Amino acid sequence: MNEKEWLLNELSLLKGETQTYEVSAFLNELEDILSEQYKRIEQAKAEIDGLLWSPKEW
């Protein structure tokens, strides 16, 4: 299990245990933000990989 899977799994467990709306809303937004950040990290990695292999950039 990588960091992303572990973190989202832990958030899921916390969301199941919470009983207040404020905490639940916070955890939902945190999950959305983390998912977006991981998506951006993957896009940046792909961009770097593409630039490194592009003969135009050598």
C-alpha atoms as a PDB file:
ATOM      1  CA  MET A   1       0.000   0.000   0.000  1.00  0.00           C
ATOM      2  CA  ASN A   2       1.495   3.301  -1.007  1.00  0.00           C
ATOM      3  CA  GLU A   3       1.219   6.623   0.815  1.00  0.00           C
ATOM      4  CA  LYS A   4      -1.788   7.834  -1.174  1.00  0.00           C
ATOM      5  CA  GLU A   5      -3.797   4.659  -0.618  1.00  0.00           C
ATOM      6  CA  TRP A   6      -2.932   4.587   3.070  1.00  0.00           C
ATOM      7  CA  LEU A   7      -3.855   8.231   3.609  1.00  0.00           C
ATOM      8  CA  LEU A   8      -7.175   7.988   1.767  1.00  0.00           C
ATOM      9  CA  ASN A   9      -7.964   4.762   3.620  1.00  0.00           C
ATOM     10  CA  GLU A  10      -7.301   6.436   6.970  1.00  0.00           C
ATOM     11  CA  LEU A  11      -9.516   9.365   5.986  1.00  0.00           C
ATOM     12  CA  SER A  12     -12.259   6.935   5.065  1.00  0.00           C
ATOM     13  CA  LEU A  13     -11.999   5.288   8.470  1.00  0.00           C
ATOM     14  CA  LEU A  14     -12.110   8.654  10.214  1.00  0.00           C
ATOM     15  CA  LYS A  15     -15.146   9.725   8.207  1.00  0.00           C
ATOM     16  CA  GLY A  16     -16.931   6.571   9.316  1.00  0.00           C
ATOM     17  CA  GLU A  17     -16.206   7.301  12.974  1.00  0.00           C
ATOM     18  CA  THR A  18     -17.079  11.003  13.037  1.00  0.00           C
ATOM     19  CA  GLN A  19     -20.378  12.132  14.480  1.00  0.00           C
ATOM     20  CA  THR A  20     -20.338  15.881  13.863  1.00  0.00           C
ATOM     21  CA  TYR A  21     -21.104  17.659  10.641  1.00  0.00           C
ATOM     22  CA  GLU A  22     -18.130  20.013  10.938  1.00  0.00           C
ATOM     23  CA  VAL A  23     -15.583  17.210  11.213  1.00  0.00           C
ATOM     24  CA  SER A  24     -17.272  15.230   8.464  1.00  0.00           C
ATOM     25  CA  ALA A  25     -17.275  18.242   6.126  1.00  0.00           C
ATOM     26  CA  PHE A  26     -13.628  18.936   6.944  1.00  0.00           C
ATOM     27  CA  LEU A  27     -12.610  15.350   6.197  1.00  0.00           C
ATOM     28  CA  ASN A  28     -14.562  15.356   2.924  1.00  0.00           C
ATOM     29  CA  GLU A  29     -12.811  18.514   1.777  1.00  0.00           C
ATOM     30  CA  LEU A  30      -9.449  17.197   2.938  1.00  0.00           C
ATOM     31  CA  GLU A  31     -10.008  14.068   0.859  1.00  0.00           C
ATOM     32  CA  ASP A  32     -10.878  16.180  -2.195  1.00  0.00           C
ATOM     33  CA  ILE A  33      -7.798  18.373  -1.743  1.00  0.00           C
ATOM     34  CA  LEU A  34      -5.491  15.393  -1.276  1.00  0.00           C
ATOM     35  CA  SER A  35      -6.901  13.645  -4.333  1.00  0.00           C
ATOM     36  CA  GLU A  36      -6.337  16.788  -6.394  1.00  0.00           C
ATOM     37  CA  GLN A  37      -2.793  17.172  -5.082  1.00  0.00           C
ATOM     38  CA  TYR A  38      -1.916  13.578  -5.929  1.00  0.00           C
ATOM     39  CA  LYS A  39      -3.388  14.074  -9.408  1.00  0.00           C
ATOM     40  CA  ARG A  40      -1.234  17.185  -9.888  1.00  0.00           C
ATOM     41  CA  ILE A  41       1.859  15.343  -8.674  1.00  0.00           C
ATOM     42  CA  GLU A  42       1.272  12.595 -11.243  1.00  0.00           C
ATOM     43  CA  GLN A  43       0.753  15.196 -13.987  1.00  0.00           C
ATOM     44  CA  ALA A  44       3.978  16.968 -13.025  1.00  0.00           C
ATOM     45  CA  LYS A  45       5.881  13.670 -13.063  1.00  0.00           C
ATOM     46  CA  ALA A  46       4.499  12.887 -16.512  1.00  0.00           C
ATOM     47  CA  GLU A  47       5.419  16.367 -17.761  1.00  0.00           C
ATOM     48  CA  ILE A  48       8.976  16.036 -16.465  1.00  0.00           C
ATOM     49  CA  ASP A  49       9.276  12.591 -18.029  1.00  0.00           C
ATOM     50  CA  GLY A  50       7.983  13.932 -21.348  1.00  0.00           C
ATOM     51  CA  LEU A  51      10.386  16.862 -21.308  1.00  0.00           C
ATOM     52  CA  LEU A  52      13.334  14.640 -20.513  1.00  0.00           C
ATOM     53  CA  TRP A  53      12.613  12.398 -23.476  1.00  0.00           C
ATOM     54  CA  SER A  54      11.780  15.169 -25.935  1.00  0.00           C
ATOM     55  CA  PRO A  55      14.617  15.759 -28.431  1.00  0.00           C
ATOM     56  CA  LYS A  56      13.503  19.393 -28.761  1.00  0.00           C
ATOM     57  CA  GLU A  57      14.455  20.008 -25.144  1.00  0.00           C
ATOM     58  CA  TRP A  58      17.953  18.508 -25.322  1.00  0.00           C
END
